Amino acid sequence: MSREALLVAHTGYEDNMRTAEHVARQLAAAGVSLRVLAEEAEGLGPALPITVVDAGPRAADGAEIVLVLGGDGTLLRGAEMARPAGVPILGVNLGRVGFLAESDRDGLDAAVAAWWPATTPSTSG
């Protein structure tokens, strides 16, 4: 079964886009298909395997989760898309406040790995 996620990111800061690219690469390497909103896709690297979708109530249809990278405003925007599809949200605070997010930038890799264990970086020794 193919796994799929919708990525919603606050694109107003270059650092946020680098973080979104990092997550997109992690998920692609783990075999997770990634949907990205049309207005956010332009800021991501062109070589990333993404499906561009329009923002709206059907954006998360078929996804198993909405992964939100940003502050509380971005999380609320992601929630508007997750609700009609009945899928959970994983919020990672990249903003200043972040009361609604489950994780922050420092915990990003662990939060993503909790959903997709195949994204955990291997440690060979």
PDB file of N, CA and C in Angstrom:
ATOM      1  N   MET A   1       0.841  -1.173   0.000  1.00  0.00           N
ATOM      2  CA  MET A   1       0.000   0.000   0.000  1.00  0.00           C
ATOM      3  C   MET A   1       0.895   1.248   0.000  1.00  0.00           C
ATOM      4  N   SER A   2       0.577   2.179  -0.847  1.00  0.00           N
ATOM      5  CA  SER A   2       1.337   3.412  -0.952  1.00  0.00           C
ATOM      6  C   SER A   2       0.969   4.335   0.206  1.00  0.00           C
ATOM      7  N   ARG A   3       1.972   4.938   0.794  1.00  0.00           N
ATOM      8  CA  ARG A   3       1.753   5.886   1.878  1.00  0.00           C
ATOM      9  C   ARG A   3       1.851   7.287   1.304  1.00  0.00           C
ATOM     10  N   GLU A   4       1.003   8.176   1.810  1.00  0.00           N
ATOM     11  CA  GLU A   4       0.964   9.526   1.265  1.00  0.00           C
ATOM     12  C   GLU A   4       0.705  10.534   2.387  1.00  0.00           C
ATOM     13  N   ALA A   5       1.334  11.687   2.277  1.00  0.00           N
ATOM     14  CA  ALA A   5       1.165  12.768   3.239  1.00  0.00           C
ATOM     15  C   ALA A   5       0.972  14.083   2.494  1.00  0.00           C
ATOM     16  N   LEU A   6       0.242  14.989   3.120  1.00  0.00           N
ATOM     17  CA  LEU A   6       0.114  16.353   2.614  1.00  0.00           C
ATOM     18  C   LEU A   6       1.026  17.228   3.455  1.00  0.00           C
ATOM     19  N   LEU A   7       1.900  17.974   2.810  1.00  0.00           N
ATOM     20  CA  LEU A   7       2.798  18.901   3.487  1.00  0.00           C
ATOM     21  C   LEU A   7       2.253  20.312   3.350  1.00  0.00           C
ATOM     22  N   VAL A   8       2.055  20.975   4.493  1.00  0.00           N
ATOM     23  CA  VAL A   8       1.633  22.372   4.522  1.00  0.00           C
ATOM     24  C   VAL A   8       2.729  23.131   5.259  1.00  0.00           C
ATOM     25  N   ALA A   9       3.302  24.136   4.620  1.00  0.00           N
ATOM     26  CA  ALA A   9       4.433  24.844   5.219  1.00  0.00           C
ATOM     27  C   ALA A   9       4.256  26.350   5.140  1.00  0.00           C
ATOM     28  N   HIS A  10       4.787  27.042   6.126  1.00  0.00           N
ATOM     29  CA  HIS A  10       4.851  28.502   6.085  1.00  0.00           C
ATOM     30  C   HIS A  10       6.040  28.850   5.198  1.00  0.00           C
ATOM     31  N   THR A  11       5.750  29.433   4.059  1.00  0.00           N
ATOM     32  CA  THR A  11       6.802  29.649   3.056  1.00  0.00           C
ATOM     33  C   THR A  11       7.428  31.044   3.121  1.00  0.00           C
ATOM     34  N   GLY A  12       7.081  31.822   4.114  1.00  0.00           N
ATOM     35  CA  GLY A  12       7.567  33.196   4.185  1.00  0.00           C
ATOM     36  C   GLY A  12       9.030  33.341   4.544  1.00  0.00           C
ATOM     37  N   TYR A  13       9.664  32.248   4.952  1.00  0.00           N
ATOM     38  CA  TYR A  13      11.060  32.306   5.364  1.00  0.00           C
ATOM     39  C   TYR A  13      11.855  31.235   4.628  1.00  0.00           C
ATOM     40  N   GLU A  14      13.025  31.617   4.122  1.00  0.00           N
ATOM     41  CA  GLU A  14      13.862  30.686   3.365  1.00  0.00           C
ATOM     42  C   GLU A  14      14.233  29.460   4.203  1.00  0.00           C
ATOM     43  N   ASP A  15      14.498  29.661   5.477  1.00  0.00           N
ATOM     44  CA  ASP A  15      14.861  28.551   6.356  1.00  0.00           C
ATOM     45  C   ASP A  15      13.729  27.525   6.451  1.00  0.00           C
ATOM     46  N   ASN A  16      12.493  28.004   6.456  1.00  0.00           N
ATOM     47  CA  ASN A  16      11.351  27.082   6.478  1.00  0.00           C
ATOM     48  C   ASN A  16      11.306  26.228   5.215  1.00  0.00           C
ATOM     49  N   MET A  17      11.636  26.824   4.082  1.00  0.00           N
ATOM     50  CA  MET A  17      11.619  26.072   2.831  1.00  0.00           C
ATOM     51  C   MET A  17      12.732  25.028   2.813  1.00  0.00           C
ATOM     52  N   ARG A  18      13.890  25.367   3.365  1.00  0.00           N
ATOM     53  CA  ARG A  18      14.963  24.367   3.470  1.00  0.00           C
ATOM     54  C   ARG A  18      14.517  23.207   4.369  1.00  0.00           C
ATOM     55  N   THR A  19      13.800  23.538   5.444  1.00  0.00           N
ATOM     56  CA  THR A  19      13.288  22.498   6.339  1.00  0.00           C
ATOM     57  C   THR A  19      12.264  21.640   5.607  1.00  0.00           C
ATOM     58  N   ALA A  20      11.393  22.252   4.830  1.00  0.00           N
ATOM     59  CA  ALA A  20      10.402  21.501   4.056  1.00  0.00           C
ATOM     60  C   ALA A  20      11.085  20.585   3.044  1.00  0.00           C
ATOM     61  N   GLU A  21      12.129  21.073   2.396  1.00  0.00           N
ATOM     62  CA  GLU A  21      12.884  20.239   1.450  1.00  0.00           C
ATOM     63  C   GLU A  21      13.527  19.052   2.169  1.00  0.00           C
ATOM     64  N   HIS A  22      14.072  19.292   3.347  1.00  0.00           N
ATOM     65  CA  HIS A  22      14.679  18.223   4.147  1.00  0.00           C
ATOM     66  C   HIS A  22      13.643  17.131   4.441  1.00  0.00           C
ATOM     67  N   VAL A  23      12.462  17.538   4.878  1.00  0.00           N
ATOM     68  CA  VAL A  23      11.399  16.575   5.186  1.00  0.00           C
ATOM     69  C   VAL A  23      10.956  15.852   3.918  1.00  0.00           C
ATOM     70  N   ALA A  24      10.809  16.586   2.827  1.00  0.00           N
ATOM     71  CA  ALA A  24      10.384  15.967   1.568  1.00  0.00           C
ATOM     72  C   ALA A  24      11.375  14.896   1.123  1.00  0.00           C
ATOM     73  N   ARG A  25      12.659  15.172   1.274  1.00  0.00           N
ATOM     74  CA  ARG A  25      13.680  14.181   0.899  1.00  0.00           C
ATOM     75  C   ARG A  25      13.627  12.961   1.824  1.00  0.00           C
ATOM     76  N   GLN A  26      13.441  13.194   3.117  1.00  0.00           N
ATOM     77  CA  GLN A  26      13.317  12.087   4.069  1.00  0.00           C
ATOM     78  C   GLN A  26      12.149  11.180   3.686  1.00  0.00           C
ATOM     79  N   LEU A  27      11.013  11.787   3.432  1.00  0.00           N
ATOM     80  CA  LEU A  27       9.816  11.010   3.125  1.00  0.00           C
ATOM     81  C   LEU A  27       9.955  10.281   1.790  1.00  0.00           C
ATOM     82  N   ALA A  28      10.508  10.948   0.796  1.00  0.00           N
ATOM     83  CA  ALA A  28      10.702  10.301  -0.507  1.00  0.00           C
ATOM     84  C   ALA A  28      11.613   9.087  -0.357  1.00  0.00           C
ATOM     85  N   ALA A  29      12.687   9.222   0.434  1.00  0.00           N
ATOM     86  CA  ALA A  29      13.609   8.107   0.643  1.00  0.00           C
ATOM     87  C   ALA A  29      12.930   6.940   1.355  1.00  0.00           C
ATOM     88  N   ALA A  30      11.903   7.240   2.148  1.00  0.00           N
ATOM     89  CA  ALA A  30      11.165   6.198   2.869  1.00  0.00           C
ATOM     90  C   ALA A  30      10.010   5.643   2.052  1.00  0.00           C
ATOM     91  N   GLY A  31       9.841   6.146   0.816  1.00  0.00           N
ATOM     92  CA  GLY A  31       8.777   5.647  -0.043  1.00  0.00           C
ATOM     93  C   GLY A  31       7.426   6.286   0.202  1.00  0.00           C
ATOM     94  N   VAL A  32       7.408   7.426   0.876  1.00  0.00           N
ATOM     95  CA  VAL A  32       6.154   8.134   1.146  1.00  0.00           C
ATOM     96  C   VAL A  32       5.925   9.152   0.036  1.00  0.00           C
ATOM     97  N   SER A  33       4.761   9.090  -0.589  1.00  0.00           N
ATOM     98  CA  SER A  33       4.392  10.073  -1.608  1.00  0.00           C
ATOM     99  C   SER A  33       3.993  11.359  -0.897  1.00  0.00           C
ATOM    100  N   LEU A  34       4.369  12.479  -1.484  1.00  0.00           N
ATOM    101  CA  LEU A  34       4.134  13.758  -0.831  1.00  0.00           C
ATOM    102  C   LEU A  34       3.319  14.675  -1.718  1.00  0.00           C
ATOM    103  N   ARG A  35       2.254  15.200  -1.142  1.00  0.00           N
ATOM    104  CA  ARG A  35       1.459  16.236  -1.789  1.00  0.00           C
ATOM    105  C   ARG A  35       1.895  17.576  -1.225  1.00  0.00           C
ATOM    106  N   VAL A  36       1.933  18.586  -2.073  1.00  0.00           N
ATOM    107  CA  VAL A  36       2.307  19.932  -1.660  1.00  0.00           C
ATOM    108  C   VAL A  36       1.309  20.896  -2.286  1.00  0.00           C
ATOM    109  N   LEU A  37       0.934  21.904  -1.524  1.00  0.00           N
ATOM    110  CA  LEU A  37       0.005  22.901  -2.038  1.00  0.00           C
ATOM    111  C   LEU A  37       0.646  23.692  -3.173  1.00  0.00           C
ATOM    112  N   ALA A  38      -0.157  24.026  -4.166  1.00  0.00           N
ATOM    113  CA  ALA A  38       0.352  24.696  -5.365  1.00  0.00           C
ATOM    114  C   ALA A  38       1.146  25.954  -5.030  1.00  0.00           C
ATOM    115  N   GLU A  39       0.644  26.755  -4.103  1.00  0.00           N
ATOM    116  CA  GLU A  39       1.325  28.005  -3.787  1.00  0.00           C
ATOM    117  C   GLU A  39       2.619  27.802  -3.000  1.00  0.00           C
ATOM    118  N   GLU A  40       2.840  26.596  -2.503  1.00  0.00           N
ATOM    119  CA  GLU A  40       4.059  26.303  -1.739  1.00  0.00           C
ATOM    120  C   GLU A  40       5.072  25.484  -2.543  1.00  0.00           C
ATOM    121  N   ALA A  41       4.630  24.858  -3.602  1.00  0.00           N
ATOM    122  CA  ALA A  41       5.489  23.956  -4.372  1.00  0.00           C
ATOM    123  C   ALA A  41       6.639  24.684  -5.059  1.00  0.00           C
ATOM    124  N   GLU A  42       6.414  25.914  -5.463  1.00  0.00           N
ATOM    125  CA  GLU A  42       7.431  26.654  -6.202  1.00  0.00           C
ATOM    126  C   GLU A  42       8.717  26.839  -5.398  1.00  0.00           C
ATOM    127  N   GLY A  43       8.599  26.947  -4.079  1.00  0.00           N
ATOM    128  CA  GLY A  43       9.764  27.163  -3.249  1.00  0.00           C
ATOM    129  C   GLY A  43      10.583  25.918  -2.969  1.00  0.00           C
ATOM    130  N   LEU A  44      10.048  24.751  -3.329  1.00  0.00           N
ATOM    131  CA  LEU A  44      10.767  23.501  -3.102  1.00  0.00           C
ATOM    132  C   LEU A  44      11.650  23.177  -4.291  1.00  0.00           C
ATOM    133  N   GLY A  45      12.658  22.372  -4.060  1.00  0.00           N
ATOM    134  CA  GLY A  45      13.564  21.980  -5.134  1.00  0.00           C
ATOM    135  C   GLY A  45      12.824  21.272  -6.255  1.00  0.00           C
ATOM    136  N   PRO A  46      13.156  21.577  -7.502  1.00  0.00           N
ATOM    137  CA  PRO A  46      12.445  21.007  -8.648  1.00  0.00           C
ATOM    138  C   PRO A  46      12.633  19.494  -8.796  1.00  0.00           C
ATOM    139  N   ALA A  47      13.658  18.937  -8.198  1.00  0.00           N
ATOM    140  CA  ALA A  47      13.924  17.505  -8.355  1.00  0.00           C
ATOM    141  C   ALA A  47      13.143  16.656  -7.358  1.00  0.00           C
ATOM    142  N   LEU A  48      12.395  17.282  -6.456  1.00  0.00           N
ATOM    143  CA  LEU A  48      11.663  16.518  -5.450  1.00  0.00           C
ATOM    144  C   LEU A  48      10.446  15.851  -6.080  1.00  0.00           C
ATOM    145  N   PRO A  49      10.192  14.591  -5.721  1.00  0.00           N
ATOM    146  CA  PRO A  49       9.017  13.891  -6.248  1.00  0.00           C
ATOM    147  C   PRO A  49       7.760  14.267  -5.465  1.00  0.00           C
ATOM    148  N   ILE A  50       7.063  15.290  -5.927  1.00  0.00           N
ATOM    149  CA  ILE A  50       5.860  15.756  -5.241  1.00  0.00           C
ATOM    150  C   ILE A  50       4.688  15.775  -6.195  1.00  0.00           C
ATOM    151  N   THR A  51       3.495  15.738  -5.615  1.00  0.00           N
ATOM    152  CA  THR A  51       2.266  15.943  -6.361  1.00  0.00           C
ATOM    153  C   THR A  51       1.702  17.277  -5.906  1.00  0.00           C
ATOM    154  N   VAL A  52       1.475  18.178  -6.825  1.00  0.00           N
ATOM    155  CA  VAL A  52       0.962  19.504  -6.500  1.00  0.00           C
ATOM    156  C   VAL A  52      -0.556  19.447  -6.474  1.00  0.00           C
ATOM    157  N   VAL A  53      -1.131  19.959  -5.369  1.00  0.00           N
ATOM    158  CA  VAL A  53      -2.588  19.990  -5.210  1.00  0.00           C
ATOM    159  C   VAL A  53      -3.021  21.404  -4.860  1.00  0.00           C
ATOM    160  N   ASP A  54      -4.262  21.713  -5.169  1.00  0.00           N
ATOM    161  CA  ASP A  54      -4.819  23.014  -4.803  1.00  0.00           C
ATOM    162  C   ASP A  54      -5.221  22.998  -3.342  1.00  0.00           C
ATOM    163  N   ALA A  55      -5.029  24.127  -2.666  1.00  0.00           N
ATOM    164  CA  ALA A  55      -5.480  24.260  -1.281  1.00  0.00           C
ATOM    165  C   ALA A  55      -7.002  24.215  -1.283  1.00  0.00           C
ATOM    166  N   GLY A  56      -7.553  23.551  -0.315  1.00  0.00           N
ATOM    167  CA  GLY A  56      -8.998  23.463  -0.222  1.00  0.00           C
ATOM    168  C   GLY A  56      -9.404  22.204   0.508  1.00  0.00           C
ATOM    169  N   PRO A  57     -10.697  21.969   0.597  1.00  0.00           N
ATOM    170  CA  PRO A  57     -11.197  20.856   1.404  1.00  0.00           C
ATOM    171  C   PRO A  57     -10.826  19.465   0.886  1.00  0.00           C
ATOM    172  N   ARG A  58     -10.371  19.348  -0.345  1.00  0.00           N
ATOM    173  CA  ARG A  58     -10.005  18.031  -0.888  1.00  0.00           C
ATOM    174  C   ARG A  58      -8.489  17.811  -0.941  1.00  0.00           C
ATOM    175  N   ALA A  59      -7.722  18.765  -0.460  1.00  0.00           N
ATOM    176  CA  ALA A  59      -6.262  18.686  -0.565  1.00  0.00           C
ATOM    177  C   ALA A  59      -5.693  17.460   0.132  1.00  0.00           C
ATOM    178  N   ALA A  60      -6.291  17.022   1.229  1.00  0.00           N
ATOM    179  CA  ALA A  60      -5.761  15.888   1.997  1.00  0.00           C
ATOM    180  C   ALA A  60      -6.443  14.567   1.666  1.00  0.00           C
ATOM    181  N   ASP A  61      -7.357  14.556   0.702  1.00  0.00           N
ATOM    182  CA  ASP A  61      -8.029  13.304   0.325  1.00  0.00           C
ATOM    183  C   ASP A  61      -6.987  12.264  -0.094  1.00  0.00           C
ATOM    184  N   GLY A  62      -7.022  11.100   0.532  1.00  0.00           N
ATOM    185  CA  GLY A  62      -6.098  10.030   0.195  1.00  0.00           C
ATOM    186  C   GLY A  62      -4.810  10.054   0.993  1.00  0.00           C
ATOM    187  N   ALA A  63      -4.556  11.130   1.722  1.00  0.00           N
ATOM    188  CA  ALA A  63      -3.347  11.207   2.556  1.00  0.00           C
ATOM    189  C   ALA A  63      -3.647  10.550   3.905  1.00  0.00           C
ATOM    190  N   GLU A  64      -2.611  10.026   4.543  1.00  0.00           N
ATOM    191  CA  GLU A  64      -2.821   9.443   5.867  1.00  0.00           C
ATOM    192  C   GLU A  64      -2.538  10.448   6.977  1.00  0.00           C
ATOM    193  N   ILE A  65      -1.910  11.585   6.623  1.00  0.00           N
ATOM    194  CA  ILE A  65      -1.601  12.615   7.610  1.00  0.00           C
ATOM    195  C   ILE A  65      -1.351  13.936   6.894  1.00  0.00           C
ATOM    196  N   VAL A  66      -1.574  15.023   7.620  1.00  0.00           N
ATOM    197  CA  VAL A  66      -1.170  16.346   7.155  1.00  0.00           C
ATOM    198  C   VAL A  66       0.000  16.769   8.035  1.00  0.00           C
ATOM    199  N   LEU A  67       1.133  16.973   7.418  1.00  0.00           N
ATOM    200  CA  LEU A  67       2.344  17.387   8.115  1.00  0.00           C
ATOM    201  C   LEU A  67       2.478  18.894   7.954  1.00  0.00           C
ATOM    202  N   VAL A  68       2.417  19.612   9.074  1.00  0.00           N
ATOM    203  CA  VAL A  68       2.423  21.071   9.050  1.00  0.00           C
ATOM    204  C   VAL A  68       3.735  21.587   9.613  1.00  0.00           C
ATOM    205  N   LEU A  69       4.414  22.426   8.835  1.00  0.00           N
ATOM    206  CA  LEU A  69       5.662  23.050   9.249  1.00  0.00           C
ATOM    207  C   LEU A  69       5.452  24.552   9.299  1.00  0.00           C
ATOM    208  N   GLY A  70       5.401  25.117  10.487  1.00  0.00           N
ATOM    209  CA  GLY A  70       5.176  26.551  10.635  1.00  0.00           C
ATOM    210  C   GLY A  70       4.718  26.865  12.037  1.00  0.00           C
ATOM    211  N   GLY A  71       4.009  27.961  12.179  1.00  0.00           N
ATOM    212  CA  GLY A  71       3.479  28.366  13.474  1.00  0.00           C
ATOM    213  C   GLY A  71       2.020  27.962  13.622  1.00  0.00           C
ATOM    214  N   ASP A  72       1.375  28.531  14.621  1.00  0.00           N
ATOM    215  CA  ASP A  72      -0.013  28.185  14.892  1.00  0.00           C
ATOM    216  C   ASP A  72      -0.945  28.540  13.737  1.00  0.00           C
ATOM    217  N   GLY A  73      -0.687  29.655  13.050  1.00  0.00           N
ATOM    218  CA  GLY A  73      -1.520  30.029  11.905  1.00  0.00           C
ATOM    219  C   GLY A  73      -1.439  28.999  10.790  1.00  0.00           C
ATOM    220  N   THR A  74      -0.247  28.515  10.522  1.00  0.00           N
ATOM    221  CA  THR A  74      -0.060  27.489   9.501  1.00  0.00           C
ATOM    222  C   THR A  74      -0.731  26.193   9.928  1.00  0.00           C
ATOM    223  N   LEU A  75      -0.640  25.866  11.226  1.00  0.00           N
ATOM    224  CA  LEU A  75      -1.281  24.652  11.723  1.00  0.00           C
ATOM    225  C   LEU A  75      -2.795  24.741  11.565  1.00  0.00           C
ATOM    226  N   LEU A  76      -3.370  25.890  11.852  1.00  0.00           N
ATOM    227  CA  LEU A  76      -4.817  26.054  11.681  1.00  0.00           C
ATOM    228  C   LEU A  76      -5.212  25.930  10.206  1.00  0.00           C
ATOM    229  N   ARG A  77      -4.374  26.446   9.320  1.00  0.00           N
ATOM    230  CA  ARG A  77      -4.637  26.304   7.873  1.00  0.00           C
ATOM    231  C   ARG A  77      -4.589  24.830   7.482  1.00  0.00           C
ATOM    232  N   GLY A  78      -3.600  24.088   7.996  1.00  0.00           N
ATOM    233  CA  GLY A  78      -3.520  22.656   7.730  1.00  0.00           C
ATOM    234  C   GLY A  78      -4.715  21.899   8.289  1.00  0.00           C
ATOM    235  N   ALA A  79      -5.193  22.325   9.450  1.00  0.00           N
ATOM    236  CA  ALA A  79      -6.353  21.668  10.067  1.00  0.00           C
ATOM    237  C   ALA A  79      -7.601  21.819   9.202  1.00  0.00           C
ATOM    238  N   GLU A  80      -7.724  22.959   8.535  1.00  0.00           N
ATOM    239  CA  GLU A  80      -8.864  23.168   7.635  1.00  0.00           C
ATOM    240  C   GLU A  80      -8.866  22.161   6.490  1.00  0.00           C
ATOM    241  N   MET A  81      -7.689  21.711   6.088  1.00  0.00           N
ATOM    242  CA  MET A  81      -7.596  20.729   5.002  1.00  0.00           C
ATOM    243  C   MET A  81      -7.670  19.298   5.526  1.00  0.00           C
ATOM    244  N   ALA A  82      -7.218  19.067   6.754  1.00  0.00           N
ATOM    245  CA  ALA A  82      -7.230  17.721   7.325  1.00  0.00           C
ATOM    246  C   ALA A  82      -8.635  17.291   7.731  1.00  0.00           C
ATOM    247  N   ARG A  83      -9.426  18.221   8.252  1.00  0.00           N
ATOM    248  CA  ARG A  83     -10.748  17.878   8.783  1.00  0.00           C
ATOM    249  C   ARG A  83     -11.656  17.195   7.771  1.00  0.00           C
ATOM    250  N   PRO A  84     -11.836  17.725   6.552  1.00  0.00           N
ATOM    251  CA  PRO A  84     -12.742  17.060   5.617  1.00  0.00           C
ATOM    252  C   PRO A  84     -12.297  15.636   5.249  1.00  0.00           C
ATOM    253  N   ALA A  85     -10.990  15.392   5.270  1.00  0.00           N
ATOM    254  CA  ALA A  85     -10.463  14.069   4.924  1.00  0.00           C
ATOM    255  C   ALA A  85     -10.423  13.142   6.138  1.00  0.00           C
ATOM    256  N   GLY A  86     -10.609  13.707   7.327  1.00  0.00           N
ATOM    257  CA  GLY A  86     -10.594  12.899   8.536  1.00  0.00           C
ATOM    258  C   GLY A  86      -9.226  12.334   8.873  1.00  0.00           C
ATOM    259  N   VAL A  87      -8.174  13.073   8.569  1.00  0.00           N
ATOM    260  CA  VAL A  87      -6.819  12.592   8.831  1.00  0.00           C
ATOM    261  C   VAL A  87      -6.181  13.413   9.945  1.00  0.00           C
ATOM    262  N   PRO A  88      -5.234  12.822  10.673  1.00  0.00           N
ATOM    263  CA  PRO A  88      -4.566  13.555  11.751  1.00  0.00           C
ATOM    264  C   PRO A  88      -3.566  14.574  11.217  1.00  0.00           C
ATOM    265  N   ILE A  89      -3.138  15.436  12.125  1.00  0.00           N
ATOM    266  CA  ILE A  89      -2.167  16.478  11.815  1.00  0.00           C
ATOM    267  C   ILE A  89      -0.936  16.252  12.684  1.00  0.00           C
ATOM    268  N   LEU A  90       0.226  16.409  12.082  1.00  0.00           N
ATOM    269  CA  LEU A  90       1.473  16.442  12.837  1.00  0.00           C
ATOM    270  C   LEU A  90       2.038  17.841  12.657  1.00  0.00           C
ATOM    271  N   GLY A  91       2.009  18.636  13.724  1.00  0.00           N
ATOM    272  CA  GLY A  91       2.479  20.011  13.656  1.00  0.00           C
ATOM    273  C   GLY A  91       3.886  20.167  14.204  1.00  0.00           C
ATOM    274  N   VAL A  92       4.743  20.807  13.418  1.00  0.00           N
ATOM    275  CA  VAL A  92       6.110  21.098  13.839  1.00  0.00           C
ATOM    276  C   VAL A  92       6.269  22.616  13.816  1.00  0.00           C
ATOM    277  N   ASN A  93       6.512  23.192  14.989  1.00  0.00           N
ATOM    278  CA  ASN A  93       6.604  24.638  15.102  1.00  0.00           C
ATOM    279  C   ASN A  93       7.907  25.162  14.518  1.00  0.00           C
ATOM    280  N   LEU A  94       7.782  26.010  13.517  1.00  0.00           N
ATOM    281  CA  LEU A  94       8.936  26.720  12.968  1.00  0.00           C
ATOM    282  C   LEU A  94       8.780  28.215  13.222  1.00  0.00           C
ATOM    283  N   GLY A  95       7.688  28.579  13.896  1.00  0.00           N
ATOM    284  CA  GLY A  95       7.407  29.985  14.153  1.00  0.00           C
ATOM    285  C   GLY A  95       7.855  30.409  15.538  1.00  0.00           C
ATOM    286  N   ARG A  96       7.252  31.473  16.020  1.00  0.00           N
ATOM    287  CA  ARG A  96       7.650  32.021  17.314  1.00  0.00           C
ATOM    288  C   ARG A  96       6.824  31.472  18.458  1.00  0.00           C
ATOM    289  N   VAL A  97       5.554  31.178  18.247  1.00  0.00           N
ATOM    290  CA  VAL A  97       4.677  30.796  19.345  1.00  0.00           C
ATOM    291  C   VAL A  97       4.541  29.283  19.407  1.00  0.00           C
ATOM    292  N   GLY A  98       3.769  28.691  18.544  1.00  0.00           N
ATOM    293  CA  GLY A  98       3.698  27.244  18.432  1.00  0.00           C
ATOM    294  C   GLY A  98       3.011  26.499  19.554  1.00  0.00           C
ATOM    295  N   PHE A  99       1.988  27.076  20.159  1.00  0.00           N
ATOM    296  CA  PHE A  99       1.265  26.383  21.226  1.00  0.00           C
ATOM    297  C   PHE A  99       0.577  25.117  20.731  1.00  0.00           C
ATOM    298  N   LEU A 100       0.179  25.088  19.469  1.00  0.00           N
ATOM    299  CA  LEU A 100      -0.611  23.979  18.939  1.00  0.00           C
ATOM    300  C   LEU A 100       0.228  22.836  18.381  1.00  0.00           C
ATOM    301  N   ALA A 101       1.488  23.064  18.146  1.00  0.00           N
ATOM    302  CA  ALA A 101       2.346  22.066  17.500  1.00  0.00           C
ATOM    303  C   ALA A 101       2.808  21.001  18.485  1.00  0.00           C
ATOM    304  N   GLU A 102       3.021  19.791  17.964  1.00  0.00           N
ATOM    305  CA  GLU A 102       3.512  18.684  18.780  1.00  0.00           C
ATOM    306  C   GLU A 102       5.011  18.739  18.995  1.00  0.00           C
ATOM    307  N   SER A 103       5.718  19.389  18.087  1.00  0.00           N
ATOM    308  CA  SER A 103       7.174  19.376  18.124  1.00  0.00           C
ATOM    309  C   SER A 103       7.701  20.737  17.690  1.00  0.00           C
ATOM    310  N   ASP A 104       9.000  20.908  17.810  1.00  0.00           N
ATOM    311  CA  ASP A 104       9.643  22.103  17.288  1.00  0.00           C
ATOM    312  C   ASP A 104      10.737  21.674  16.306  1.00  0.00           C
ATOM    313  N   ARG A 105      11.462  22.628  15.773  1.00  0.00           N
ATOM    314  CA  ARG A 105      12.476  22.336  14.757  1.00  0.00           C
ATOM    315  C   ARG A 105      13.497  21.309  15.252  1.00  0.00           C
ATOM    316  N   ASP A 106      13.916  21.427  16.527  1.00  0.00           N
ATOM    317  CA  ASP A 106      14.910  20.500  17.072  1.00  0.00           C
ATOM    318  C   ASP A 106      14.397  19.060  17.149  1.00  0.00           C
ATOM    319  N   GLY A 107      13.096  18.895  17.280  1.00  0.00           N
ATOM    320  CA  GLY A 107      12.512  17.559  17.367  1.00  0.00           C
ATOM    321  C   GLY A 107      11.903  17.066  16.071  1.00  0.00           C
ATOM    322  N   LEU A 108      12.168  17.778  14.977  1.00  0.00           N
ATOM    323  CA  LEU A 108      11.557  17.467  13.688  1.00  0.00           C
ATOM    324  C   LEU A 108      11.829  16.037  13.227  1.00  0.00           C
ATOM    325  N   ASP A 109      13.089  15.635  13.193  1.00  0.00           N
ATOM    326  CA  ASP A 109      13.416  14.297  12.690  1.00  0.00           C
ATOM    327  C   ASP A 109      12.762  13.212  13.531  1.00  0.00           C
ATOM    328  N   ALA A 110      12.741  13.383  14.838  1.00  0.00           N
ATOM    329  CA  ALA A 110      12.108  12.390  15.722  1.00  0.00           C
ATOM    330  C   ALA A 110      10.605  12.356  15.509  1.00  0.00           C
ATOM    331  N   ALA A 111       9.987  13.522  15.301  1.00  0.00           N
ATOM    332  CA  ALA A 111       8.542  13.568  15.075  1.00  0.00           C
ATOM    333  C   ALA A 111       8.170  12.873  13.767  1.00  0.00           C
ATOM    334  N   VAL A 112       8.947  13.129  12.722  1.00  0.00           N
ATOM    335  CA  VAL A 112       8.688  12.483  11.433  1.00  0.00           C
ATOM    336  C   VAL A 112       8.924  10.974  11.546  1.00  0.00           C
ATOM    337  N   ALA A 113       9.992  10.582  12.232  1.00  0.00           N
ATOM    338  CA  ALA A 113      10.305   9.158  12.389  1.00  0.00           C
ATOM    339  C   ALA A 113       9.245   8.432  13.207  1.00  0.00           C
ATOM    340  N   ALA A 114       8.537   9.145  14.083  1.00  0.00           N
ATOM    341  CA  ALA A 114       7.468   8.510  14.855  1.00  0.00           C
ATOM    342  C   ALA A 114       6.338   8.041  13.936  1.00  0.00           C
ATOM    343  N   TRP A 115       6.125   8.775  12.838  1.00  0.00           N
ATOM    344  CA  TRP A 115       5.102   8.386  11.870  1.00  0.00           C
ATOM    345  C   TRP A 115       5.659   7.446  10.813  1.00  0.00           C
ATOM    346  N   TRP A 116       6.884   7.703  10.375  1.00  0.00           N
ATOM    347  CA  TRP A 116       7.493   6.931   9.304  1.00  0.00           C
ATOM    348  C   TRP A 116       8.857   6.442   9.767  1.00  0.00           C
ATOM    349  N   PRO A 117       8.907   5.315  10.478  1.00  0.00           N
ATOM    350  CA  PRO A 117      10.187   4.847  11.019  1.00  0.00           C
ATOM    351  C   PRO A 117      11.290   4.690   9.976  1.00  0.00           C
ATOM    352  N   ALA A 118      10.939   4.460   8.734  1.00  0.00           N
ATOM    353  CA  ALA A 118      11.966   4.283   7.692  1.00  0.00           C
ATOM    354  C   ALA A 118      12.732   5.573   7.426  1.00  0.00           C
ATOM    355  N   THR A 119      12.271   6.719   7.973  1.00  0.00           N
ATOM    356  CA  THR A 119      12.983   7.978   7.761  1.00  0.00           C
ATOM    357  C   THR A 119      14.093   8.189   8.778  1.00  0.00           C
ATOM    358  N   THR A 120      14.179   7.322   9.785  1.00  0.00           N
ATOM    359  CA  THR A 120      15.203   7.470  10.812  1.00  0.00           C
ATOM    360  C   THR A 120      16.575   7.272  10.183  1.00  0.00           C
ATOM    361  N   PRO A 121      17.475   8.221  10.355  1.00  0.00           N
ATOM    362  CA  PRO A 121      18.822   8.043   9.788  1.00  0.00           C
ATOM    363  C   PRO A 121      19.490   6.805  10.374  1.00  0.00           C
ATOM    364  N   SER A 122      20.122   6.018   9.525  1.00  0.00           N
ATOM    365  CA  SER A 122      20.778   4.814  10.012  1.00  0.00           C
ATOM    366  C   SER A 122      22.089   5.177  10.695  1.00  0.00           C
ATOM    367  N   THR A 123      22.422   4.403  11.703  1.00  0.00           N
ATOM    368  CA  THR A 123      23.693   4.593  12.384  1.00  0.00           C
ATOM    369  C   THR A 123      24.435   3.281  12.322  1.00  0.00           C
ATOM    370  N   SER A 124      25.417   3.236  11.478  1.00  0.00           N
ATOM    371  CA  SER A 124      26.192   2.010  11.359  1.00  0.00           C
ATOM    372  C   SER A 124      27.478   2.192  12.135  1.00  0.00           C
ATOM    373  N   GLY A 125      27.918   1.105  12.736  1.00  0.00           N
ATOM    374  CA  GLY A 125      29.077   1.291  13.560  1.00  0.00           C
ATOM    375  C   GLY A 125      30.044   0.192  13.520  1.00  0.00           C
TER     376      GLY A 125
END
